[in-house]
PDB file of N, CA and C in Angstrom:
ATOM      1  N   UNK A   1       0.330 -45.613 -29.864  1.00  0.00           N
ATOM      2  CA  UNK A   1       1.416 -46.387 -29.303  1.00  0.00           C
ATOM      3  C   UNK A   1       2.588 -46.424 -30.289  1.00  0.00           C
ATOM      4  N   UNK A   2       2.298 -46.517 -31.561  1.00  0.00           N
ATOM      5  CA  UNK A   2       3.344 -46.561 -32.571  1.00  0.00           C
ATOM      6  C   UNK A   2       4.188 -45.293 -32.588  1.00  0.00           C
ATOM      7  N   UNK A   3       3.530 -44.145 -32.400  1.00  0.00           N
ATOM      8  CA  UNK A   3       4.266 -42.880 -32.368  1.00  0.00           C
ATOM      9  C   UNK A   3       5.155 -42.816 -31.137  1.00  0.00           C
ATOM     10  N   UNK A   4       4.664 -43.311 -29.997  1.00  0.00           N
ATOM     11  CA  UNK A   4       5.461 -43.340 -28.772  1.00  0.00           C
ATOM     12  C   UNK A   4       6.715 -44.190 -28.968  1.00  0.00           C
ATOM     13  N   UNK A   5       6.555 -45.350 -29.589  1.00  0.00           N
ATOM     14  CA  UNK A   5       7.696 -46.234 -29.839  1.00  0.00           C
ATOM     15  C   UNK A   5       8.682 -45.558 -30.790  1.00  0.00           C
ATOM     16  N   UNK A   6       8.165 -44.899 -31.825  1.00  0.00           N
ATOM     17  CA  UNK A   6       9.018 -44.207 -32.784  1.00  0.00           C
ATOM     18  C   UNK A   6       9.831 -43.108 -32.096  1.00  0.00           C
ATOM     19  N   UNK A   7       9.172 -42.297 -31.263  1.00  0.00           N
ATOM     20  CA  UNK A   7       9.881 -41.236 -30.556  1.00  0.00           C
ATOM     21  C   UNK A   7      10.893 -41.791 -29.554  1.00  0.00           C
ATOM     22  N   UNK A   8      10.564 -42.883 -28.912  1.00  0.00           N
ATOM     23  CA  UNK A   8      11.499 -43.510 -27.974  1.00  0.00           C
ATOM     24  C   UNK A   8      12.748 -43.984 -28.705  1.00  0.00           C
ATOM     25  N   UNK A   9      12.571 -44.655 -29.821  1.00  0.00           N
ATOM     26  CA  UNK A   9      13.714 -45.122 -30.609  1.00  0.00           C
ATOM     27  C   UNK A   9      14.540 -43.955 -31.145  1.00  0.00           C
ATOM     28  N   UNK A  10      13.875 -42.904 -31.602  1.00  0.00           N
ATOM     29  CA  UNK A  10      14.570 -41.726 -32.106  1.00  0.00           C
ATOM     30  C   UNK A  10      15.368 -41.048 -30.989  1.00  0.00           C
ATOM     31  N   UNK A  11      14.754 -40.904 -29.815  1.00  0.00           N
ATOM     32  CA  UNK A  11      15.404 -40.299 -28.645  1.00  0.00           C
ATOM     33  C   UNK A  11      16.671 -41.063 -28.277  1.00  0.00           C
ATOM     34  N   UNK A  12      16.556 -42.366 -28.154  1.00  0.00           N
ATOM     35  CA  UNK A  12      17.721 -43.170 -27.786  1.00  0.00           C
ATOM     36  C   UNK A  12      18.777 -43.155 -28.887  1.00  0.00           C
ATOM     37  N   UNK A  13      18.356 -43.220 -30.133  1.00  0.00           N
ATOM     38  CA  UNK A  13      19.313 -43.194 -31.235  1.00  0.00           C
ATOM     39  C   UNK A  13      20.108 -41.897 -31.240  1.00  0.00           C
ATOM     40  N   UNK A  14      19.436 -40.778 -31.065  1.00  0.00           N
ATOM     41  CA  UNK A  14      20.131 -39.494 -31.051  1.00  0.00           C
ATOM     42  C   UNK A  14      21.130 -39.406 -29.904  1.00  0.00           C
ATOM     43  N   UNK A  15      20.703 -39.751 -28.696  1.00  0.00           N
ATOM     44  CA  UNK A  15      21.598 -39.616 -27.552  1.00  0.00           C
ATOM     45  C   UNK A  15      22.725 -40.643 -27.568  1.00  0.00           C
ATOM     46  N   UNK A  16      22.461 -41.859 -27.998  1.00  0.00           N
ATOM     47  CA  UNK A  16      23.517 -42.864 -28.014  1.00  0.00           C
ATOM     48  C   UNK A  16      24.454 -42.698 -29.213  1.00  0.00           C
ATOM     49  N   UNK A  17      24.058 -41.909 -30.209  1.00  0.00           N
ATOM     50  CA  UNK A  17      24.940 -41.612 -31.324  1.00  0.00           C
ATOM     51  C   UNK A  17      25.891 -40.464 -30.978  1.00  0.00           C
ATOM     52  N   UNK A  18      25.373 -39.457 -30.271  1.00  0.00           N
ATOM     53  CA  UNK A  18      26.169 -38.259 -29.993  1.00  0.00           C
ATOM     54  C   UNK A  18      26.637 -38.138 -28.547  1.00  0.00           C
ATOM     55  N   UNK A  19      26.219 -39.045 -27.670  1.00  0.00           N
ATOM     56  CA  UNK A  19      26.587 -38.972 -26.266  1.00  0.00           C
ATOM     57  C   UNK A  19      26.716 -40.387 -25.712  1.00  0.00           C
ATOM     58  N   UNK A  20      27.176 -40.487 -24.484  1.00  0.00           N
ATOM     59  CA  UNK A  20      27.323 -41.799 -23.849  1.00  0.00           C
ATOM     60  C   UNK A  20      26.044 -42.260 -23.169  1.00  0.00           C
ATOM     61  N   UNK A  21      25.142 -41.329 -22.864  1.00  0.00           N
ATOM     62  CA  UNK A  21      23.915 -41.699 -22.164  1.00  0.00           C
ATOM     63  C   UNK A  21      22.850 -40.643 -22.402  1.00  0.00           C
ATOM     64  N   UNK A  22      21.643 -40.949 -21.973  1.00  0.00           N
ATOM     65  CA  UNK A  22      20.548 -40.003 -22.066  1.00  0.00           C
ATOM     66  C   UNK A  22      20.581 -39.081 -20.848  1.00  0.00           C
ATOM     67  N   UNK A  23      19.891 -37.944 -20.891  1.00  0.00           N
ATOM     68  CA  UNK A  23      19.860 -37.071 -19.714  1.00  0.00           C
ATOM     69  C   UNK A  23      19.278 -37.768 -18.475  1.00  0.00           C
ATOM     70  N   UNK A  24      18.298 -38.623 -18.667  1.00  0.00           N
ATOM     71  CA  UNK A  24      17.726 -39.361 -17.535  1.00  0.00           C
ATOM     72  C   UNK A  24      18.723 -40.325 -16.915  1.00  0.00           C
ATOM     73  N   UNK A  25      19.513 -40.968 -17.750  1.00  0.00           N
ATOM     74  CA  UNK A  25      20.544 -41.873 -17.236  1.00  0.00           C
ATOM     75  C   UNK A  25      21.601 -41.082 -16.472  1.00  0.00           C
ATOM     76  N   UNK A  26      21.955 -39.915 -16.979  1.00  0.00           N
ATOM     77  CA  UNK A  26      22.956 -39.086 -16.306  1.00  0.00           C
ATOM     78  C   UNK A  26      22.421 -38.623 -14.949  1.00  0.00           C
ATOM     79  N   UNK A  27      21.165 -38.201 -14.913  1.00  0.00           N
ATOM     80  CA  UNK A  27      20.550 -37.740 -13.658  1.00  0.00           C
ATOM     81  C   UNK A  27      20.475 -38.870 -12.630  1.00  0.00           C
ATOM     82  N   UNK A  28      20.113 -40.072 -13.088  1.00  0.00           N
ATOM     83  CA  UNK A  28      19.991 -41.226 -12.191  1.00  0.00           C
ATOM     84  C   UNK A  28      21.341 -41.887 -11.913  1.00  0.00           C
ATOM     85  N   UNK A  29      22.401 -41.381 -12.539  1.00  0.00           N
ATOM     86  CA  UNK A  29      23.756 -41.908 -12.367  1.00  0.00           C
ATOM     87  C   UNK A  29      23.826 -43.385 -12.756  1.00  0.00           C
ATOM     88  N   UNK A  30      23.291 -43.658 -13.958  1.00  0.00           N
ATOM     89  CA  UNK A  30      23.306 -45.002 -14.524  1.00  0.00           C
ATOM     90  C   UNK A  30      24.158 -44.971 -15.788  1.00  0.00           C
ATOM     91  N   UNK A  31      24.996 -45.949 -15.955  1.00  0.00           N
ATOM     92  CA  UNK A  31      25.811 -46.060 -17.154  1.00  0.00           C
ATOM     93  C   UNK A  31      25.669 -47.434 -17.772  1.00  0.00           C
ATOM     94  N   UNK A  32      26.116 -47.560 -19.006  1.00  0.00           N
ATOM     95  CA  UNK A  32      26.084 -48.840 -19.694  1.00  0.00           C
ATOM     96  C   UNK A  32      27.465 -49.475 -19.629  1.00  0.00           C
ATOM     97  N   UNK A  33      27.488 -50.779 -19.500  1.00  0.00           N
ATOM     98  CA  UNK A  33      28.731 -51.536 -19.366  1.00  0.00           C
ATOM     99  C   UNK A  33      28.570 -52.852 -20.121  1.00  0.00           C
ATOM    100  N   UNK A  34      29.639 -53.291 -20.777  1.00  0.00           N
ATOM    101  CA  UNK A  34      29.584 -54.579 -21.460  1.00  0.00           C
ATOM    102  C   UNK A  34      29.788 -55.701 -20.440  1.00  0.00           C
ATOM    103  N   UNK A  35      29.518 -56.915 -20.847  1.00  0.00           N
ATOM    104  CA  UNK A  35      29.708 -58.054 -19.955  1.00  0.00           C
ATOM    105  C   UNK A  35      31.175 -58.244 -19.581  1.00  0.00           C
ATOM    106  N   UNK A  36      32.089 -57.686 -20.377  1.00  0.00           N
ATOM    107  CA  UNK A  36      33.514 -57.784 -20.054  1.00  0.00           C
ATOM    108  C   UNK A  36      34.004 -56.547 -19.294  1.00  0.00           C
ATOM    109  N   UNK A  37      33.080 -55.781 -18.722  1.00  0.00           N
ATOM    110  CA  UNK A  37      33.356 -54.586 -17.911  1.00  0.00           C
ATOM    111  C   UNK A  37      34.089 -53.482 -18.667  1.00  0.00           C
ATOM    112  N   UNK A  38      33.814 -53.354 -19.952  1.00  0.00           N
ATOM    113  CA  UNK A  38      34.342 -52.256 -20.754  1.00  0.00           C
ATOM    114  C   UNK A  38      33.217 -51.268 -21.041  1.00  0.00           C
ATOM    115  N   UNK A  39      33.589 -50.069 -21.444  1.00  0.00           N
ATOM    116  CA  UNK A  39      32.592 -49.117 -21.914  1.00  0.00           C
ATOM    117  C   UNK A  39      32.176 -49.531 -23.323  1.00  0.00           C
ATOM    118  N   UNK A  40      30.881 -49.566 -23.604  1.00  0.00           N
ATOM    119  CA  UNK A  40      30.440 -49.971 -24.942  1.00  0.00           C
ATOM    120  C   UNK A  40      30.765 -48.905 -25.977  1.00  0.00           C
ATOM    121  N   UNK A  41      30.996 -49.342 -27.197  1.00  0.00           N
ATOM    122  CA  UNK A  41      31.212 -48.408 -28.295  1.00  0.00           C
ATOM    123  C   UNK A  41      29.860 -47.844 -28.717  1.00  0.00           C
ATOM    124  N   UNK A  42      29.910 -46.793 -29.481  1.00  0.00           N
ATOM    125  CA  UNK A  42      28.648 -46.202 -29.967  1.00  0.00           C
ATOM    126  C   UNK A  42      27.896 -47.199 -30.849  1.00  0.00           C
ATOM    127  N   UNK A  43      28.620 -47.974 -31.612  1.00  0.00           N
ATOM    128  CA  UNK A  43      27.987 -48.992 -32.461  1.00  0.00           C
ATOM    129  C   UNK A  43      27.266 -50.028 -31.600  1.00  0.00           C
ATOM    130  N   UNK A  44      27.888 -50.470 -30.531  1.00  0.00           N
ATOM    131  CA  UNK A  44      27.257 -51.436 -29.628  1.00  0.00           C
ATOM    132  C   UNK A  44      26.009 -50.834 -28.986  1.00  0.00           C
ATOM    133  N   UNK A  45      26.054 -49.542 -28.655  1.00  0.00           N
ATOM    134  CA  UNK A  45      24.887 -48.901 -28.044  1.00  0.00           C
ATOM    135  C   UNK A  45      23.742 -48.806 -29.045  1.00  0.00           C
ATOM    136  N   UNK A  46      24.062 -48.534 -30.310  1.00  0.00           N
ATOM    137  CA  UNK A  46      23.004 -48.499 -31.328  1.00  0.00           C
ATOM    138  C   UNK A  46      22.420 -49.893 -31.554  1.00  0.00           C
ATOM    139  N   UNK A  47      23.258 -50.931 -31.478  1.00  0.00           N
ATOM    140  CA  UNK A  47      22.753 -52.293 -31.601  1.00  0.00           C
ATOM    141  C   UNK A  47      21.841 -52.627 -30.424  1.00  0.00           C
ATOM    142  N   UNK A  48      22.118 -52.062 -29.265  1.00  0.00           N
ATOM    143  CA  UNK A  48      21.275 -52.280 -28.095  1.00  0.00           C
ATOM    144  C   UNK A  48      19.880 -51.696 -28.323  1.00  0.00           C
ATOM    145  N   UNK A  49      19.799 -50.587 -29.039  1.00  0.00           N
ATOM    146  CA  UNK A  49      18.494 -49.982 -29.336  1.00  0.00           C
ATOM    147  C   UNK A  49      17.654 -50.946 -30.167  1.00  0.00           C
ATOM    148  N   UNK A  50      18.267 -51.579 -31.157  1.00  0.00           N
ATOM    149  CA  UNK A  50      17.536 -52.569 -31.959  1.00  0.00           C
ATOM    150  C   UNK A  50      17.122 -53.761 -31.104  1.00  0.00           C
ATOM    151  N   UNK A  51      17.980 -54.166 -30.176  1.00  0.00           N
ATOM    152  CA  UNK A  51      17.642 -55.272 -29.284  1.00  0.00           C
ATOM    153  C   UNK A  51      16.489 -54.874 -28.358  1.00  0.00           C
ATOM    154  N   UNK A  52      16.439 -53.616 -27.949  1.00  0.00           N
ATOM    155  CA  UNK A  52      15.329 -53.139 -27.119  1.00  0.00           C
ATOM    156  C   UNK A  52      14.011 -53.212 -27.886  1.00  0.00           C
ATOM    157  N   UNK A  53      14.052 -52.827 -29.152  1.00  0.00           N
ATOM    158  CA  UNK A  53      12.848 -52.908 -29.978  1.00  0.00           C
ATOM    159  C   UNK A  53      12.407 -54.352 -30.139  1.00  0.00           C
ATOM    160  N   UNK A  54      13.360 -55.245 -30.332  1.00  0.00           N
ATOM    161  CA  UNK A  54      13.045 -56.670 -30.471  1.00  0.00           C
ATOM    162  C   UNK A  54      12.445 -57.220 -29.176  1.00  0.00           C
ATOM    163  N   UNK A  55      12.972 -56.810 -28.029  1.00  0.00           N
ATOM    164  CA  UNK A  55      12.458 -57.284 -26.746  1.00  0.00           C
ATOM    165  C   UNK A  55      11.049 -56.771 -26.474  1.00  0.00           C
ATOM    166  N   UNK A  56      10.715 -55.617 -27.028  1.00  0.00           N
ATOM    167  CA  UNK A  56       9.389 -55.040 -26.806  1.00  0.00           C
ATOM    168  C   UNK A  56       8.330 -55.624 -27.735  1.00  0.00           C
ATOM    169  N   UNK A  57       8.751 -56.172 -28.860  1.00  0.00           N
ATOM    170  CA  UNK A  57       7.794 -56.642 -29.875  1.00  0.00           C
ATOM    171  C   UNK A  57       6.798 -57.686 -29.372  1.00  0.00           C
ATOM    172  N   UNK A  58       7.219 -58.768 -28.743  1.00  0.00           N
ATOM    173  CA  UNK A  58       6.224 -59.765 -28.325  1.00  0.00           C
ATOM    174  C   UNK A  58       5.535 -59.376 -27.012  1.00  0.00           C
ATOM    175  N   UNK A  59       4.768 -58.277 -27.070  1.00  0.00           N
ATOM    176  CA  UNK A  59       4.017 -57.784 -25.913  1.00  0.00           C
ATOM    177  C   UNK A  59       4.903 -57.477 -24.703  1.00  0.00           C
ATOM    178  N   UNK A  60       6.128 -57.058 -24.946  1.00  0.00           N
ATOM    179  CA  UNK A  60       7.036 -56.692 -23.866  1.00  0.00           C
ATOM    180  C   UNK A  60       7.614 -57.854 -23.090  1.00  0.00           C
ATOM    181  N   UNK A  61       7.512 -59.068 -23.638  1.00  0.00           N
ATOM    182  CA  UNK A  61       8.010 -60.245 -22.923  1.00  0.00           C
ATOM    183  C   UNK A  61       9.510 -60.183 -22.670  1.00  0.00           C
ATOM    184  N   UNK A  62      10.248 -59.521 -23.551  1.00  0.00           N
ATOM    185  CA  UNK A  62      11.686 -59.388 -23.360  1.00  0.00           C
ATOM    186  C   UNK A  62      12.032 -58.582 -22.122  1.00  0.00           C
ATOM    187  N   UNK A  63      11.162 -57.633 -21.778  1.00  0.00           N
ATOM    188  CA  UNK A  63      11.371 -56.839 -20.565  1.00  0.00           C
ATOM    189  C   UNK A  63      10.855 -57.575 -19.333  1.00  0.00           C
ATOM    190  N   UNK A  64       9.747 -58.269 -19.479  1.00  0.00           N
ATOM    191  CA  UNK A  64       9.207 -59.040 -18.356  1.00  0.00           C
ATOM    192  C   UNK A  64      10.142 -60.179 -17.956  1.00  0.00           C
ATOM    193  N   UNK A  65      10.917 -60.637 -18.907  1.00  0.00           N
ATOM    194  CA  UNK A  65      11.869 -61.710 -18.647  1.00  0.00           C
ATOM    195  C   UNK A  65      12.834 -61.323 -17.526  1.00  0.00           C
ATOM    196  N   UNK A  66      13.141 -60.045 -17.409  1.00  0.00           N
ATOM    197  CA  UNK A  66      14.085 -59.576 -16.388  1.00  0.00           C
ATOM    198  C   UNK A  66      13.625 -59.925 -14.980  1.00  0.00           C
ATOM    199  N   UNK A  67      12.315 -60.048 -14.773  1.00  0.00           N
ATOM    200  CA  UNK A  67      11.814 -60.429 -13.442  1.00  0.00           C
ATOM    201  C   UNK A  67      12.118 -61.890 -13.133  1.00  0.00           C
ATOM    202  N   UNK A  68      12.236 -62.715 -14.149  1.00  0.00           N
ATOM    203  CA  UNK A  68      12.500 -64.135 -13.957  1.00  0.00           C
ATOM    204  C   UNK A  68      13.981 -64.490 -14.023  1.00  0.00           C
ATOM    205  N   UNK A  69      14.762 -63.632 -14.634  1.00  0.00           N
ATOM    206  CA  UNK A  69      16.184 -63.892 -14.824  1.00  0.00           C
ATOM    207  C   UNK A  69      16.924 -63.758 -13.493  1.00  0.00           C
ATOM    208  N   UNK A  70      17.835 -64.666 -13.232  1.00  0.00           N
ATOM    209  CA  UNK A  70      18.561 -64.639 -11.952  1.00  0.00           C
ATOM    210  C   UNK A  70      19.453 -63.410 -11.819  1.00  0.00           C
ATOM    211  N   UNK A  71      19.907 -62.838 -12.938  1.00  0.00           N
ATOM    212  CA  UNK A  71      20.736 -61.637 -12.904  1.00  0.00           C
ATOM    213  C   UNK A  71      19.926 -60.362 -13.109  1.00  0.00           C
ATOM    214  N   UNK A  72      18.636 -60.498 -13.351  1.00  0.00           N
ATOM    215  CA  UNK A  72      17.778 -59.340 -13.580  1.00  0.00           C
ATOM    216  C   UNK A  72      17.980 -58.704 -14.941  1.00  0.00           C
ATOM    217  N   UNK A  73      18.423 -59.492 -15.915  1.00  0.00           N
ATOM    218  CA  UNK A  73      18.674 -58.979 -17.253  1.00  0.00           C
ATOM    219  C   UNK A  73      17.556 -59.369 -18.205  1.00  0.00           C
ATOM    220  N   UNK A  74      17.185 -58.447 -19.066  1.00  0.00           N
ATOM    221  CA  UNK A  74      16.166 -58.716 -20.075  1.00  0.00           C
ATOM    222  C   UNK A  74      16.796 -59.235 -21.355  1.00  0.00           C
ATOM    223  N   UNK A  75      15.942 -59.517 -22.338  1.00  0.00           N
ATOM    224  CA  UNK A  75      16.436 -60.029 -23.609  1.00  0.00           C
ATOM    225  C   UNK A  75      17.400 -59.056 -24.261  1.00  0.00           C
ATOM    226  N   UNK A  76      17.073 -57.762 -24.203  1.00  0.00           N
ATOM    227  CA  UNK A  76      17.926 -56.775 -24.853  1.00  0.00           C
ATOM    228  C   UNK A  76      19.310 -56.715 -24.211  1.00  0.00           C
ATOM    229  N   UNK A  77      19.393 -56.986 -22.908  1.00  0.00           N
ATOM    230  CA  UNK A  77      20.695 -57.041 -22.244  1.00  0.00           C
ATOM    231  C   UNK A  77      21.498 -58.243 -22.724  1.00  0.00           C
ATOM    232  N   UNK A  78      20.842 -59.376 -22.820  1.00  0.00           N
ATOM    233  CA  UNK A  78      21.512 -60.605 -23.257  1.00  0.00           C
ATOM    234  C   UNK A  78      21.925 -60.528 -24.728  1.00  0.00           C
ATOM    235  N   UNK A  79      21.054 -59.986 -25.567  1.00  0.00           N
ATOM    236  CA  UNK A  79      21.356 -59.899 -27.001  1.00  0.00           C
ATOM    237  C   UNK A  79      22.536 -58.963 -27.246  1.00  0.00           C
ATOM    238  N   UNK A  80      22.500 -57.787 -26.624  1.00  0.00           N
ATOM    239  CA  UNK A  80      23.540 -56.783 -26.860  1.00  0.00           C
ATOM    240  C   UNK A  80      24.781 -57.001 -26.007  1.00  0.00           C
ATOM    241  N   UNK A  81      24.670 -57.850 -24.975  1.00  0.00           N
ATOM    242  CA  UNK A  81      25.757 -58.112 -24.039  1.00  0.00           C
ATOM    243  C   UNK A  81      26.209 -56.838 -23.331  1.00  0.00           C
ATOM    244  N   UNK A  82      25.208 -55.952 -23.070  1.00  0.00           N
ATOM    245  CA  UNK A  82      25.420 -54.690 -22.363  1.00  0.00           C
ATOM    246  C   UNK A  82      24.368 -54.605 -21.275  1.00  0.00           C
ATOM    247  N   UNK A  83      24.748 -54.121 -20.114  1.00  0.00           N
ATOM    248  CA  UNK A  83      23.780 -53.947 -19.034  1.00  0.00           C
ATOM    249  C   UNK A  83      23.973 -52.592 -18.385  1.00  0.00           C
ATOM    250  N   UNK A  84      22.965 -52.166 -17.606  1.00  0.00           N
ATOM    251  CA  UNK A  84      23.038 -50.898 -16.895  1.00  0.00           C
ATOM    252  C   UNK A  84      23.620 -51.110 -15.524  1.00  0.00           C
ATOM    253  N   UNK A  85      24.436 -50.168 -15.092  1.00  0.00           N
ATOM    254  CA  UNK A  85      24.963 -50.227 -13.737  1.00  0.00           C
ATOM    255  C   UNK A  85      25.024 -48.821 -13.170  1.00  0.00           C
ATOM    256  N   UNK A  86      24.975 -48.728 -11.870  1.00  0.00           N
ATOM    257  CA  UNK A  86      25.068 -47.425 -11.200  1.00  0.00           C
ATOM    258  C   UNK A  86      26.524 -47.041 -11.039  1.00  0.00           C
ATOM    259  N   UNK A  87      26.788 -45.754 -11.028  1.00  0.00           N
ATOM    260  CA  UNK A  87      28.147 -45.284 -10.771  1.00  0.00           C
ATOM    261  C   UNK A  87      28.147 -44.179  -9.763  1.00  0.00           C
TER     262      UNK A  87
END
């Protein structure tokens, strides 16, 4: 499981450092947007990766929170103030 998490973080770090999205996000036509409806900077996207790791740490509770949240946002969305939207 640790290797899977490491590769996931590496994958996202590489794509969010050199591109605006991952190939899967591009295929699904999903983009990232800040709460103020701006495009996030690369620095903000890298901070989101750390927030994703933090949300996954307590047995994935940060992701499960999205089912209870009225806006459908997880901890990593709230921490980074970035969410996914379709385009």
